[in-house]
């Protein structure tokens, strides 16, 4: 049958869009489930994550059934920040054997982006999602990190995309020696006058503003990043705060001024779906981590101290492994931080780009 490309709207249709994720991954021995609580409101336009973004959810149907999906997006916050006329294609998922459907889906998405003045389409980093895994396919990654099938790369390349930016993922095996190293890093920052404060202890009237301001300045020149809003962070606080985020995430202060930010979500493997006989391994019970330091405070150990605080908390809870999570291939300051904390590369990831002119 001929593939039909369709733009979806309305809660029922968009729920089908979101839940298609589970159909793609249902044969996996262990997997995460669709993040409907966050994705559906964004697609319906009722979430803070939809503000400043024009999002067009698209599906490819064969015989009436969805076989591929994506969301084409013009992110005005991103464009105002970078001014590079790059549009985004997010939430791509597809069944095996869908080369033609994926090509038609991406042609529709990219044609629309071009009509909006975009000169390129980025797939795999935008609207809050992480890049595509290019190895380690059988492991359960930290929650929010992609667990895509290996065949996605051929589908995307056949649909006109090229590799744009590589990433690495760092994992750390907790040892007595590393616990001592982390404590020294924390003590060293304190000796220099820096105060590492868990978010649970930051005054509520200052928490959101200080976190978002510090995050946005720290990530101002980070490749591909779009400014975060207070409304977005407030929503994530409501969702993730009760799960332990407030205990593990920190702000670093020099006097009364925030100079660093650490965002750590605890491991959530209780939410993973596993087939009979497939247990969650200890080295899969991993946090996610994002870290940033203001330019004036870099090179003073603030980064090591913030991460060390979270790792000491996790080690004290009995975790045998912790995650430094994703880092750009060429972000050597952050990669060296991960290595100094004891990390080793455990997986690799890729962001794709399709140029909309001159192909």
C-alpha atoms as a PDB file:
ATOM      1  CA  UNK A   1       0.000   0.000   0.000  1.00  0.00           C
ATOM      2  CA  UNK A   2       1.024   3.597  -0.516  1.00  0.00           C
ATOM      3  CA  UNK A   3       2.350   5.461   2.500  1.00  0.00           C
ATOM      4  CA  UNK A   4       0.246   8.413   3.585  1.00  0.00           C
ATOM      5  CA  UNK A   5       1.783  11.338   5.469  1.00  0.00           C
ATOM      6  CA  UNK A   6      -0.587  12.972   7.927  1.00  0.00           C
ATOM      7  CA  UNK A   7      -0.381  15.919  10.309  1.00  0.00           C
ATOM      8  CA  UNK A   8      -2.038  15.117  13.623  1.00  0.00           C
ATOM      9  CA  UNK A   9      -4.035  17.324  15.977  1.00  0.00           C
ATOM     10  CA  UNK A  10      -6.341  16.754  18.913  1.00  0.00           C
ATOM     11  CA  UNK A  11      -5.669  14.827  22.091  1.00  0.00           C
ATOM     12  CA  UNK A  12      -6.788  11.426  20.791  1.00  0.00           C
ATOM     13  CA  UNK A  13      -4.632  11.524  17.671  1.00  0.00           C
ATOM     14  CA  UNK A  14      -1.643  12.947  19.522  1.00  0.00           C
ATOM     15  CA  UNK A  15      -1.957  10.271  22.195  1.00  0.00           C
ATOM     16  CA  UNK A  16      -1.648   7.715  19.391  1.00  0.00           C
ATOM     17  CA  UNK A  17       1.458   9.610  18.226  1.00  0.00           C
ATOM     18  CA  UNK A  18       3.047   9.431  21.682  1.00  0.00           C
ATOM     19  CA  UNK A  19       2.149   5.804  22.319  1.00  0.00           C
ATOM     20  CA  UNK A  20       3.640   4.684  18.999  1.00  0.00           C
ATOM     21  CA  UNK A  21       6.940   4.765  20.897  1.00  0.00           C
ATOM     22  CA  UNK A  22       5.865   1.723  22.911  1.00  0.00           C
ATOM     23  CA  UNK A  23       5.005  -0.176  19.745  1.00  0.00           C
ATOM     24  CA  UNK A  24       8.503   0.387  18.353  1.00  0.00           C
ATOM     25  CA  UNK A  25      10.217  -0.794  21.529  1.00  0.00           C
ATOM     26  CA  UNK A  26       7.819  -3.515  22.710  1.00  0.00           C
ATOM     27  CA  UNK A  27      10.134  -6.348  21.623  1.00  0.00           C
ATOM     28  CA  UNK A  28      13.057  -5.031  23.661  1.00  0.00           C
ATOM     29  CA  UNK A  29      14.074  -7.228  26.619  1.00  0.00           C
ATOM     30  CA  UNK A  30      14.281  -4.047  28.700  1.00  0.00           C
ATOM     31  CA  UNK A  31      13.080  -0.575  27.835  1.00  0.00           C
ATOM     32  CA  UNK A  32      11.678   2.735  28.939  1.00  0.00           C
ATOM     33  CA  UNK A  33       8.072   3.594  28.153  1.00  0.00           C
ATOM     34  CA  UNK A  34       6.638   6.614  26.358  1.00  0.00           C
ATOM     35  CA  UNK A  35       6.857   9.859  28.343  1.00  0.00           C
ATOM     36  CA  UNK A  36       3.239  10.783  27.748  1.00  0.00           C
ATOM     37  CA  UNK A  37       2.968  13.099  30.760  1.00  0.00           C
ATOM     38  CA  UNK A  38       5.592  15.437  29.273  1.00  0.00           C
ATOM     39  CA  UNK A  39       5.234  14.887  25.523  1.00  0.00           C
ATOM     40  CA  UNK A  40       1.458  15.067  25.077  1.00  0.00           C
ATOM     41  CA  UNK A  41       1.032  18.538  26.653  1.00  0.00           C
ATOM     42  CA  UNK A  42       3.926  19.837  24.530  1.00  0.00           C
ATOM     43  CA  UNK A  43       2.291  18.518  21.358  1.00  0.00           C
ATOM     44  CA  UNK A  44      -1.133  19.897  22.285  1.00  0.00           C
ATOM     45  CA  UNK A  45       0.414  23.287  23.066  1.00  0.00           C
ATOM     46  CA  UNK A  46      -0.564  23.352  26.740  1.00  0.00           C
ATOM     47  CA  UNK A  47       2.926  22.851  28.210  1.00  0.00           C
ATOM     48  CA  UNK A  48       5.605  25.468  28.911  1.00  0.00           C
ATOM     49  CA  UNK A  49       7.792  23.402  26.570  1.00  0.00           C
ATOM     50  CA  UNK A  50       5.548  24.521  23.683  1.00  0.00           C
ATOM     51  CA  UNK A  51       6.030  28.243  24.366  1.00  0.00           C
ATOM     52  CA  UNK A  52       7.870  30.026  21.568  1.00  0.00           C
ATOM     53  CA  UNK A  53       7.797  26.895  19.410  1.00  0.00           C
ATOM     54  CA  UNK A  54       5.703  25.992  16.393  1.00  0.00           C
ATOM     55  CA  UNK A  55       5.437  22.202  16.408  1.00  0.00           C
ATOM     56  CA  UNK A  56       3.991  20.091  13.601  1.00  0.00           C
ATOM     57  CA  UNK A  57       3.436  16.408  14.551  1.00  0.00           C
ATOM     58  CA  UNK A  58       3.615  14.148  11.492  1.00  0.00           C
ATOM     59  CA  UNK A  59       3.108  10.435  10.950  1.00  0.00           C
ATOM     60  CA  UNK A  60       3.508   8.048   8.069  1.00  0.00           C
ATOM     61  CA  UNK A  61       0.707   5.500   7.778  1.00  0.00           C
ATOM     62  CA  UNK A  62       0.726   2.256   5.848  1.00  0.00           C
ATOM     63  CA  UNK A  63      -2.605   0.455   5.704  1.00  0.00           C
ATOM     64  CA  UNK A  64      -3.965   2.908   8.240  1.00  0.00           C
ATOM     65  CA  UNK A  65      -1.318   2.061  10.843  1.00  0.00           C
ATOM     66  CA  UNK A  66       1.427   4.436  11.966  1.00  0.00           C
ATOM     67  CA  UNK A  67       4.819   3.139  10.822  1.00  0.00           C
ATOM     68  CA  UNK A  68       6.921   6.282  11.413  1.00  0.00           C
ATOM     69  CA  UNK A  69       6.524   9.592  13.212  1.00  0.00           C
ATOM     70  CA  UNK A  70       8.325  12.872  13.886  1.00  0.00           C
ATOM     71  CA  UNK A  71       7.625  16.411  15.044  1.00  0.00           C
ATOM     72  CA  UNK A  72       8.958  19.244  12.894  1.00  0.00           C
ATOM     73  CA  UNK A  73       9.558  22.378  14.939  1.00  0.00           C
ATOM     74  CA  UNK A  74      10.558  25.987  14.553  1.00  0.00           C
ATOM     75  CA  UNK A  75      11.996  26.943  17.929  1.00  0.00           C
ATOM     76  CA  UNK A  76      11.982  30.722  18.152  1.00  0.00           C
ATOM     77  CA  UNK A  77      13.919  30.720  21.415  1.00  0.00           C
ATOM     78  CA  UNK A  78      16.673  28.756  19.722  1.00  0.00           C
ATOM     79  CA  UNK A  79      16.617  31.015  16.650  1.00  0.00           C
ATOM     80  CA  UNK A  80      16.745  34.200  18.726  1.00  0.00           C
ATOM     81  CA  UNK A  81      19.758  32.792  20.564  1.00  0.00           C
ATOM     82  CA  UNK A  82      21.775  31.412  17.642  1.00  0.00           C
ATOM     83  CA  UNK A  83      20.390  33.131  14.529  1.00  0.00           C
ATOM     84  CA  UNK A  84      21.421  30.239  12.292  1.00  0.00           C
ATOM     85  CA  UNK A  85      18.058  29.331  10.704  1.00  0.00           C
ATOM     86  CA  UNK A  86      18.208  25.729  11.921  1.00  0.00           C
ATOM     87  CA  UNK A  87      14.887  23.974  12.386  1.00  0.00           C
ATOM     88  CA  UNK A  88      14.394  20.833  14.424  1.00  0.00           C
ATOM     89  CA  UNK A  89      12.937  17.395  13.890  1.00  0.00           C
ATOM     90  CA  UNK A  90      12.190  15.700  17.191  1.00  0.00           C
ATOM     91  CA  UNK A  91      10.498  12.557  18.491  1.00  0.00           C
ATOM     92  CA  UNK A  92      11.473  10.479  15.452  1.00  0.00           C
ATOM     93  CA  UNK A  93      10.564   6.817  15.755  1.00  0.00           C
ATOM     94  CA  UNK A  94       9.993   4.188  13.070  1.00  0.00           C
ATOM     95  CA  UNK A  95       9.330   0.500  12.638  1.00  0.00           C
ATOM     96  CA  UNK A  96      11.812  -1.735  10.779  1.00  0.00           C
ATOM     97  CA  UNK A  97      11.591  -1.750   7.000  1.00  0.00           C
ATOM     98  CA  UNK A  98      10.215   1.771   6.712  1.00  0.00           C
ATOM     99  CA  UNK A  99      12.806   3.344   4.425  1.00  0.00           C
ATOM    100  CA  UNK A 100      10.237   4.784   2.008  1.00  0.00           C
ATOM    101  CA  UNK A 101       7.914   5.932   4.786  1.00  0.00           C
ATOM    102  CA  UNK A 102      10.766   7.633   6.636  1.00  0.00           C
ATOM    103  CA  UNK A 103      11.980   9.334   3.475  1.00  0.00           C
ATOM    104  CA  UNK A 104       8.502  10.676   2.702  1.00  0.00           C
ATOM    105  CA  UNK A 105       7.977  11.720   6.326  1.00  0.00           C
ATOM    106  CA  UNK A 106      11.260  13.616   6.424  1.00  0.00           C
ATOM    107  CA  UNK A 107      10.638  15.194   3.025  1.00  0.00           C
ATOM    108  CA  UNK A 108       7.360  16.582   4.363  1.00  0.00           C
ATOM    109  CA  UNK A 109       8.959  17.776   7.607  1.00  0.00           C
ATOM    110  CA  UNK A 110      11.932  19.360   5.867  1.00  0.00           C
ATOM    111  CA  UNK A 111       9.788  20.919   3.147  1.00  0.00           C
ATOM    112  CA  UNK A 112       7.710  22.625   5.816  1.00  0.00           C
ATOM    113  CA  UNK A 113      10.809  23.812   7.682  1.00  0.00           C
ATOM    114  CA  UNK A 114      12.192  25.253   4.442  1.00  0.00           C
ATOM    115  CA  UNK A 115       8.893  27.079   3.879  1.00  0.00           C
ATOM    116  CA  UNK A 116       9.393  28.668   7.311  1.00  0.00           C
ATOM    117  CA  UNK A 117      12.790  30.034   6.262  1.00  0.00           C
ATOM    118  CA  UNK A 118      14.959  27.312   7.758  1.00  0.00           C
ATOM    119  CA  UNK A 119      18.153  26.344   5.919  1.00  0.00           C
ATOM    120  CA  UNK A 120      18.806  23.088   7.800  1.00  0.00           C
ATOM    121  CA  UNK A 121      16.977  20.514   9.895  1.00  0.00           C
ATOM    122  CA  UNK A 122      18.605  19.071  13.023  1.00  0.00           C
ATOM    123  CA  UNK A 123      17.435  15.667  14.203  1.00  0.00           C
ATOM    124  CA  UNK A 124      18.417  14.313  17.598  1.00  0.00           C
ATOM    125  CA  UNK A 125      18.997  17.431  19.687  1.00  0.00           C
ATOM    126  CA  UNK A 126      16.168  19.867  20.252  1.00  0.00           C
ATOM    127  CA  UNK A 127      12.950  20.247  22.227  1.00  0.00           C
ATOM    128  CA  UNK A 128      14.682  18.642  25.193  1.00  0.00           C
ATOM    129  CA  UNK A 129      15.599  15.311  23.635  1.00  0.00           C
ATOM    130  CA  UNK A 130      18.959  13.551  23.537  1.00  0.00           C
ATOM    131  CA  UNK A 131      20.896  12.290  20.481  1.00  0.00           C
ATOM    132  CA  UNK A 132      20.731   8.881  18.818  1.00  0.00           C
ATOM    133  CA  UNK A 133      22.689   5.945  20.256  1.00  0.00           C
ATOM    134  CA  UNK A 134      25.220   4.495  17.806  1.00  0.00           C
ATOM    135  CA  UNK A 135      26.290   1.555  19.984  1.00  0.00           C
ATOM    136  CA  UNK A 136      25.481  -0.117  23.320  1.00  0.00           C
ATOM    137  CA  UNK A 137      22.042  -0.982  21.936  1.00  0.00           C
ATOM    138  CA  UNK A 138      21.234  -3.754  24.407  1.00  0.00           C
ATOM    139  CA  UNK A 139      21.910  -1.771  27.585  1.00  0.00           C
ATOM    140  CA  UNK A 140      19.268   0.214  29.438  1.00  0.00           C
ATOM    141  CA  UNK A 141      20.561   3.809  29.356  1.00  0.00           C
ATOM    142  CA  UNK A 142      19.786   6.393  32.030  1.00  0.00           C
ATOM    143  CA  UNK A 143      16.208   7.631  31.886  1.00  0.00           C
ATOM    144  CA  UNK A 144      15.637  10.323  29.215  1.00  0.00           C
ATOM    145  CA  UNK A 145      18.655   9.069  27.201  1.00  0.00           C
ATOM    146  CA  UNK A 146      17.785   7.485  23.845  1.00  0.00           C
ATOM    147  CA  UNK A 147      17.565   3.728  23.389  1.00  0.00           C
ATOM    148  CA  UNK A 148      16.915   3.681  19.637  1.00  0.00           C
ATOM    149  CA  UNK A 149      17.286   0.677  17.322  1.00  0.00           C
ATOM    150  CA  UNK A 150      20.443   0.320  15.222  1.00  0.00           C
ATOM    151  CA  UNK A 151      18.514   0.608  11.954  1.00  0.00           C
ATOM    152  CA  UNK A 152      17.620   4.256  12.593  1.00  0.00           C
ATOM    153  CA  UNK A 153      20.960   5.435  11.213  1.00  0.00           C
ATOM    154  CA  UNK A 154      20.359   3.880   7.803  1.00  0.00           C
ATOM    155  CA  UNK A 155      16.819   5.271   7.739  1.00  0.00           C
ATOM    156  CA  UNK A 156      18.039   8.785   8.492  1.00  0.00           C
ATOM    157  CA  UNK A 157      20.932   8.648   6.025  1.00  0.00           C
ATOM    158  CA  UNK A 158      18.567   7.373   3.306  1.00  0.00           C
ATOM    159  CA  UNK A 159      16.288  10.304   4.157  1.00  0.00           C
ATOM    160  CA  UNK A 160      19.012  12.820   3.342  1.00  0.00           C
ATOM    161  CA  UNK A 161      20.628  13.369   6.737  1.00  0.00           C
ATOM    162  CA  UNK A 162      24.329  13.496   7.544  1.00  0.00           C
ATOM    163  CA  UNK A 163      26.239  13.165  10.802  1.00  0.00           C
ATOM    164  CA  UNK A 164      26.512  16.551  12.491  1.00  0.00           C
ATOM    165  CA  UNK A 165      27.785  16.145  16.048  1.00  0.00           C
ATOM    166  CA  UNK A 166      29.044  13.223  18.093  1.00  0.00           C
ATOM    167  CA  UNK A 167      28.572  12.711  21.814  1.00  0.00           C
ATOM    168  CA  UNK A 168      29.904  10.326  24.455  1.00  0.00           C
ATOM    169  CA  UNK A 169      28.326   8.940  27.608  1.00  0.00           C
ATOM    170  CA  UNK A 170      30.363   8.448  30.782  1.00  0.00           C
ATOM    171  CA  UNK A 171      29.761   5.874  33.484  1.00  0.00           C
ATOM    172  CA  UNK A 172      31.612   5.525  36.792  1.00  0.00           C
ATOM    173  CA  UNK A 173      32.060   2.416  38.930  1.00  0.00           C
ATOM    174  CA  UNK A 174      31.983   3.486  42.579  1.00  0.00           C
ATOM    175  CA  UNK A 175      35.106   2.529  44.545  1.00  0.00           C
ATOM    176  CA  UNK A 176      36.489   3.432  47.953  1.00  0.00           C
ATOM    177  CA  UNK A 177      39.271   5.398  46.266  1.00  0.00           C
ATOM    178  CA  UNK A 178      36.789   7.435  44.231  1.00  0.00           C
ATOM    179  CA  UNK A 179      34.658   8.181  47.278  1.00  0.00           C
ATOM    180  CA  UNK A 180      37.761   9.611  48.926  1.00  0.00           C
ATOM    181  CA  UNK A 181      38.569  11.604  45.765  1.00  0.00           C
ATOM    182  CA  UNK A 182      35.061  13.050  45.647  1.00  0.00           C
ATOM    183  CA  UNK A 183      35.241  14.059  49.299  1.00  0.00           C
ATOM    184  CA  UNK A 184      38.563  15.821  48.674  1.00  0.00           C
ATOM    185  CA  UNK A 185      37.029  17.707  45.748  1.00  0.00           C
ATOM    186  CA  UNK A 186      34.105  18.828  47.896  1.00  0.00           C
ATOM    187  CA  UNK A 187      36.384  19.862  50.758  1.00  0.00           C
ATOM    188  CA  UNK A 188      38.700  21.689  48.355  1.00  0.00           C
ATOM    189  CA  UNK A 189      35.901  23.860  47.017  1.00  0.00           C
ATOM    190  CA  UNK A 190      34.776  24.689  50.544  1.00  0.00           C
ATOM    191  CA  UNK A 191      38.331  25.711  51.434  1.00  0.00           C
ATOM    192  CA  UNK A 192      38.234  28.212  48.545  1.00  0.00           C
ATOM    193  CA  UNK A 193      35.010  29.721  49.867  1.00  0.00           C
ATOM    194  CA  UNK A 194      32.515  27.993  47.580  1.00  0.00           C
ATOM    195  CA  UNK A 195      29.318  26.665  49.105  1.00  0.00           C
ATOM    196  CA  UNK A 196      27.638  23.644  47.499  1.00  0.00           C
ATOM    197  CA  UNK A 197      23.928  23.799  48.366  1.00  0.00           C
ATOM    198  CA  UNK A 198      21.379  21.094  47.478  1.00  0.00           C
ATOM    199  CA  UNK A 199      18.250  22.521  45.893  1.00  0.00           C
ATOM    200  CA  UNK A 200      16.134  21.387  48.836  1.00  0.00           C
ATOM    201  CA  UNK A 201      17.993  23.975  50.954  1.00  0.00           C
ATOM    202  CA  UNK A 202      17.762  26.882  48.493  1.00  0.00           C
ATOM    203  CA  UNK A 203      15.004  29.329  49.549  1.00  0.00           C
ATOM    204  CA  UNK A 204      11.887  28.588  47.516  1.00  0.00           C
ATOM    205  CA  UNK A 205      11.497  32.200  46.432  1.00  0.00           C
ATOM    206  CA  UNK A 206      14.995  32.120  44.880  1.00  0.00           C
ATOM    207  CA  UNK A 207      15.261  28.539  43.640  1.00  0.00           C
ATOM    208  CA  UNK A 208      13.701  28.745  40.180  1.00  0.00           C
ATOM    209  CA  UNK A 209      15.142  32.119  39.212  1.00  0.00           C
ATOM    210  CA  UNK A 210      18.670  31.376  40.397  1.00  0.00           C
ATOM    211  CA  UNK A 211      18.747  27.911  38.848  1.00  0.00           C
ATOM    212  CA  UNK A 212      17.456  29.017  35.441  1.00  0.00           C
ATOM    213  CA  UNK A 213      19.624  32.152  35.272  1.00  0.00           C
ATOM    214  CA  UNK A 214      22.765  30.228  36.218  1.00  0.00           C
ATOM    215  CA  UNK A 215      21.963  27.392  33.829  1.00  0.00           C
ATOM    216  CA  UNK A 216      21.347  29.708  30.883  1.00  0.00           C
ATOM    217  CA  UNK A 217      24.542  31.694  31.403  1.00  0.00           C
ATOM    218  CA  UNK A 218      26.628  28.552  31.910  1.00  0.00           C
ATOM    219  CA  UNK A 219      25.209  26.978  28.732  1.00  0.00           C
ATOM    220  CA  UNK A 220      25.076  30.204  26.702  1.00  0.00           C
ATOM    221  CA  UNK A 221      27.647  28.961  24.155  1.00  0.00           C
ATOM    222  CA  UNK A 222      26.976  25.246  24.462  1.00  0.00           C
ATOM    223  CA  UNK A 223      26.413  23.852  20.981  1.00  0.00           C
ATOM    224  CA  UNK A 224      22.752  23.547  20.071  1.00  0.00           C
ATOM    225  CA  UNK A 225      21.346  24.652  23.432  1.00  0.00           C
ATOM    226  CA  UNK A 226      18.247  26.836  23.667  1.00  0.00           C
ATOM    227  CA  UNK A 227      17.554  29.026  26.716  1.00  0.00           C
ATOM    228  CA  UNK A 228      15.533  27.394  29.457  1.00  0.00           C
ATOM    229  CA  UNK A 229      12.481  29.146  30.922  1.00  0.00           C
ATOM    230  CA  UNK A 230      11.359  29.409  34.522  1.00  0.00           C
ATOM    231  CA  UNK A 231       8.011  27.864  33.591  1.00  0.00           C
ATOM    232  CA  UNK A 232       9.758  24.809  32.124  1.00  0.00           C
ATOM    233  CA  UNK A 233      11.926  24.318  35.175  1.00  0.00           C
ATOM    234  CA  UNK A 234       8.985  24.799  37.523  1.00  0.00           C
ATOM    235  CA  UNK A 235       7.140  22.018  35.711  1.00  0.00           C
ATOM    236  CA  UNK A 236      10.127  19.688  35.992  1.00  0.00           C
ATOM    237  CA  UNK A 237      10.440  20.526  39.677  1.00  0.00           C
ATOM    238  CA  UNK A 238       6.847  19.433  40.175  1.00  0.00           C
ATOM    239  CA  UNK A 239       7.453  16.163  38.306  1.00  0.00           C
ATOM    240  CA  UNK A 240      10.984  15.249  39.382  1.00  0.00           C
ATOM    241  CA  UNK A 241      11.363  16.985  42.731  1.00  0.00           C
ATOM    242  CA  UNK A 242       9.426  14.346  44.691  1.00  0.00           C
ATOM    243  CA  UNK A 243      11.566  11.611  43.084  1.00  0.00           C
ATOM    244  CA  UNK A 244      14.815  12.906  44.614  1.00  0.00           C
ATOM    245  CA  UNK A 245      15.983  15.603  42.220  1.00  0.00           C
ATOM    246  CA  UNK A 246      16.013  18.259  44.959  1.00  0.00           C
ATOM    247  CA  UNK A 247      18.324  16.148  47.118  1.00  0.00           C
ATOM    248  CA  UNK A 248      20.896  15.461  44.388  1.00  0.00           C
ATOM    249  CA  UNK A 249      20.887  18.692  42.351  1.00  0.00           C
ATOM    250  CA  UNK A 250      22.808  21.712  43.637  1.00  0.00           C
ATOM    251  CA  UNK A 251      23.674  25.348  43.189  1.00  0.00           C
ATOM    252  CA  UNK A 252      27.241  26.440  43.914  1.00  0.00           C
ATOM    253  CA  UNK A 253      27.671  29.843  45.545  1.00  0.00           C
ATOM    254  CA  UNK A 254      30.539  32.278  45.888  1.00  0.00           C
ATOM    255  CA  UNK A 255      29.194  34.323  48.765  1.00  0.00           C
ATOM    256  CA  UNK A 256      25.575  35.040  47.873  1.00  0.00           C
ATOM    257  CA  UNK A 257      26.102  34.719  44.121  1.00  0.00           C
ATOM    258  CA  UNK A 258      25.374  31.457  42.270  1.00  0.00           C
ATOM    259  CA  UNK A 259      28.349  30.429  40.125  1.00  0.00           C
ATOM    260  CA  UNK A 260      27.529  26.822  39.228  1.00  0.00           C
ATOM    261  CA  UNK A 261      24.598  24.525  38.667  1.00  0.00           C
ATOM    262  CA  UNK A 262      24.206  20.753  38.793  1.00  0.00           C
ATOM    263  CA  UNK A 263      21.059  18.992  37.675  1.00  0.00           C
ATOM    264  CA  UNK A 264      20.828  15.345  38.723  1.00  0.00           C
ATOM    265  CA  UNK A 265      17.823  13.095  38.342  1.00  0.00           C
ATOM    266  CA  UNK A 266      17.933   9.884  40.376  1.00  0.00           C
ATOM    267  CA  UNK A 267      17.798   6.497  38.704  1.00  0.00           C
ATOM    268  CA  UNK A 268      14.268   5.497  37.746  1.00  0.00           C
ATOM    269  CA  UNK A 269      14.638   1.864  36.731  1.00  0.00           C
ATOM    270  CA  UNK A 270      11.509   0.954  38.697  1.00  0.00           C
ATOM    271  CA  UNK A 271       9.682   2.552  35.747  1.00  0.00           C
ATOM    272  CA  UNK A 272      11.450   0.396  33.141  1.00  0.00           C
ATOM    273  CA  UNK A 273       9.681  -2.553  31.509  1.00  0.00           C
ATOM    274  CA  UNK A 274      11.642  -5.825  31.423  1.00  0.00           C
ATOM    275  CA  UNK A 275      10.791  -9.197  29.937  1.00  0.00           C
ATOM    276  CA  UNK A 276      10.948 -12.352  32.035  1.00  0.00           C
ATOM    277  CA  UNK A 277      14.538 -13.245  32.820  1.00  0.00           C
ATOM    278  CA  UNK A 278      15.948  -9.779  32.053  1.00  0.00           C
ATOM    279  CA  UNK A 279      16.857  -8.060  35.301  1.00  0.00           C
ATOM    280  CA  UNK A 280      18.082  -4.504  35.643  1.00  0.00           C
ATOM    281  CA  UNK A 281      21.842  -4.715  36.128  1.00  0.00           C
ATOM    282  CA  UNK A 282      23.510  -2.719  38.880  1.00  0.00           C
ATOM    283  CA  UNK A 283      25.458  -0.743  36.270  1.00  0.00           C
ATOM    284  CA  UNK A 284      22.135   0.250  34.638  1.00  0.00           C
ATOM    285  CA  UNK A 285      20.725   1.825  37.815  1.00  0.00           C
ATOM    286  CA  UNK A 286      22.002   5.224  36.784  1.00  0.00           C
ATOM    287  CA  UNK A 287      21.234   8.864  37.419  1.00  0.00           C
ATOM    288  CA  UNK A 288      21.257  11.529  34.718  1.00  0.00           C
ATOM    289  CA  UNK A 289      23.464  14.601  35.154  1.00  0.00           C
ATOM    290  CA  UNK A 290      23.898  18.051  33.648  1.00  0.00           C
ATOM    291  CA  UNK A 291      26.546  20.454  34.921  1.00  0.00           C
ATOM    292  CA  UNK A 292      27.506  24.061  34.222  1.00  0.00           C
ATOM    293  CA  UNK A 293      29.817  26.670  35.756  1.00  0.00           C
ATOM    294  CA  UNK A 294      29.852  30.405  35.071  1.00  0.00           C
ATOM    295  CA  UNK A 295      32.941  31.558  33.141  1.00  0.00           C
ATOM    296  CA  UNK A 296      34.422  33.517  36.074  1.00  0.00           C
ATOM    297  CA  UNK A 297      34.381  30.435  38.330  1.00  0.00           C
ATOM    298  CA  UNK A 298      35.763  27.900  35.872  1.00  0.00           C
ATOM    299  CA  UNK A 299      39.063  26.191  36.558  1.00  0.00           C
ATOM    300  CA  UNK A 300      38.590  26.387  40.335  1.00  0.00           C
ATOM    301  CA  UNK A 301      37.179  22.939  41.039  1.00  0.00           C
ATOM    302  CA  UNK A 302      33.542  24.004  41.312  1.00  0.00           C
ATOM    303  CA  UNK A 303      32.547  21.470  38.661  1.00  0.00           C
ATOM    304  CA  UNK A 304      34.271  18.602  40.460  1.00  0.00           C
ATOM    305  CA  UNK A 305      32.804  19.636  43.805  1.00  0.00           C
ATOM    306  CA  UNK A 306      29.216  19.803  42.563  1.00  0.00           C
ATOM    307  CA  UNK A 307      29.344  16.416  40.857  1.00  0.00           C
ATOM    308  CA  UNK A 308      31.174  14.944  43.833  1.00  0.00           C
ATOM    309  CA  UNK A 309      28.397  16.058  46.156  1.00  0.00           C
ATOM    310  CA  UNK A 310      25.800  14.152  44.130  1.00  0.00           C
ATOM    311  CA  UNK A 311      28.006  11.087  43.732  1.00  0.00           C
ATOM    312  CA  UNK A 312      28.678  10.928  47.458  1.00  0.00           C
ATOM    313  CA  UNK A 313      24.939  11.008  48.094  1.00  0.00           C
ATOM    314  CA  UNK A 314      24.357   8.201  45.596  1.00  0.00           C
ATOM    315  CA  UNK A 315      27.247   6.112  46.902  1.00  0.00           C
ATOM    316  CA  UNK A 316      25.864   6.548  50.409  1.00  0.00           C
ATOM    317  CA  UNK A 317      22.556   5.156  49.165  1.00  0.00           C
ATOM    318  CA  UNK A 318      24.335   2.018  47.976  1.00  0.00           C
ATOM    319  CA  UNK A 319      24.603   2.597  44.234  1.00  0.00           C
ATOM    320  CA  UNK A 320      27.539   0.792  42.633  1.00  0.00           C
ATOM    321  CA  UNK A 321      27.622   2.959  39.497  1.00  0.00           C
ATOM    322  CA  UNK A 322      26.880   6.596  38.703  1.00  0.00           C
ATOM    323  CA  UNK A 323      26.589   8.523  35.453  1.00  0.00           C
ATOM    324  CA  UNK A 324      28.249  11.691  34.193  1.00  0.00           C
ATOM    325  CA  UNK A 325      25.873  11.357  31.216  1.00  0.00           C
ATOM    326  CA  UNK A 326      26.292  12.894  27.766  1.00  0.00           C
ATOM    327  CA  UNK A 327      29.108  15.187  26.645  1.00  0.00           C
ATOM    328  CA  UNK A 328      29.920  16.565  23.209  1.00  0.00           C
ATOM    329  CA  UNK A 329      32.836  14.748  21.577  1.00  0.00           C
ATOM    330  CA  UNK A 330      34.835  17.974  21.319  1.00  0.00           C
ATOM    331  CA  UNK A 331      33.918  19.426  24.723  1.00  0.00           C
ATOM    332  CA  UNK A 332      37.230  18.470  26.265  1.00  0.00           C
ATOM    333  CA  UNK A 333      36.891  20.552  29.449  1.00  0.00           C
ATOM    334  CA  UNK A 334      33.756  18.589  30.340  1.00  0.00           C
ATOM    335  CA  UNK A 335      35.229  15.290  29.164  1.00  0.00           C
ATOM    336  CA  UNK A 336      38.270  15.838  31.378  1.00  0.00           C
ATOM    337  CA  UNK A 337      35.924  16.576  34.279  1.00  0.00           C
ATOM    338  CA  UNK A 338      34.179  13.260  33.690  1.00  0.00           C
ATOM    339  CA  UNK A 339      37.509  11.460  33.568  1.00  0.00           C
ATOM    340  CA  UNK A 340      38.800  13.137  36.738  1.00  0.00           C
ATOM    341  CA  UNK A 341      35.639  12.022  38.507  1.00  0.00           C
ATOM    342  CA  UNK A 342      36.470   8.441  37.515  1.00  0.00           C
ATOM    343  CA  UNK A 343      34.361   8.121  34.389  1.00  0.00           C
ATOM    344  CA  UNK A 344      34.911   5.965  31.327  1.00  0.00           C
ATOM    345  CA  UNK A 345      33.144   6.090  27.969  1.00  0.00           C
ATOM    346  CA  UNK A 346      30.314   3.555  27.925  1.00  0.00           C
ATOM    347  CA  UNK A 347      28.352   4.592  24.828  1.00  0.00           C
ATOM    348  CA  UNK A 348      28.388   6.930  21.839  1.00  0.00           C
ATOM    349  CA  UNK A 349      25.686   9.101  20.308  1.00  0.00           C
ATOM    350  CA  UNK A 350      25.049  11.168  17.178  1.00  0.00           C
ATOM    351  CA  UNK A 351      23.027  14.203  16.104  1.00  0.00           C
ATOM    352  CA  UNK A 352      21.993  14.376  12.444  1.00  0.00           C
ATOM    353  CA  UNK A 353      21.485  17.282  10.065  1.00  0.00           C
ATOM    354  CA  UNK A 354      19.786  17.652   6.711  1.00  0.00           C
ATOM    355  CA  UNK A 355      20.731  20.713   4.701  1.00  0.00           C
ATOM    356  CA  UNK A 356      17.716  22.255   3.015  1.00  0.00           C
ATOM    357  CA  UNK A 357      19.628  24.168   0.369  1.00  0.00           C
ATOM    358  CA  UNK A 358      22.215  23.000  -2.121  1.00  0.00           C
ATOM    359  CA  UNK A 359      21.667  19.257  -1.747  1.00  0.00           C
END
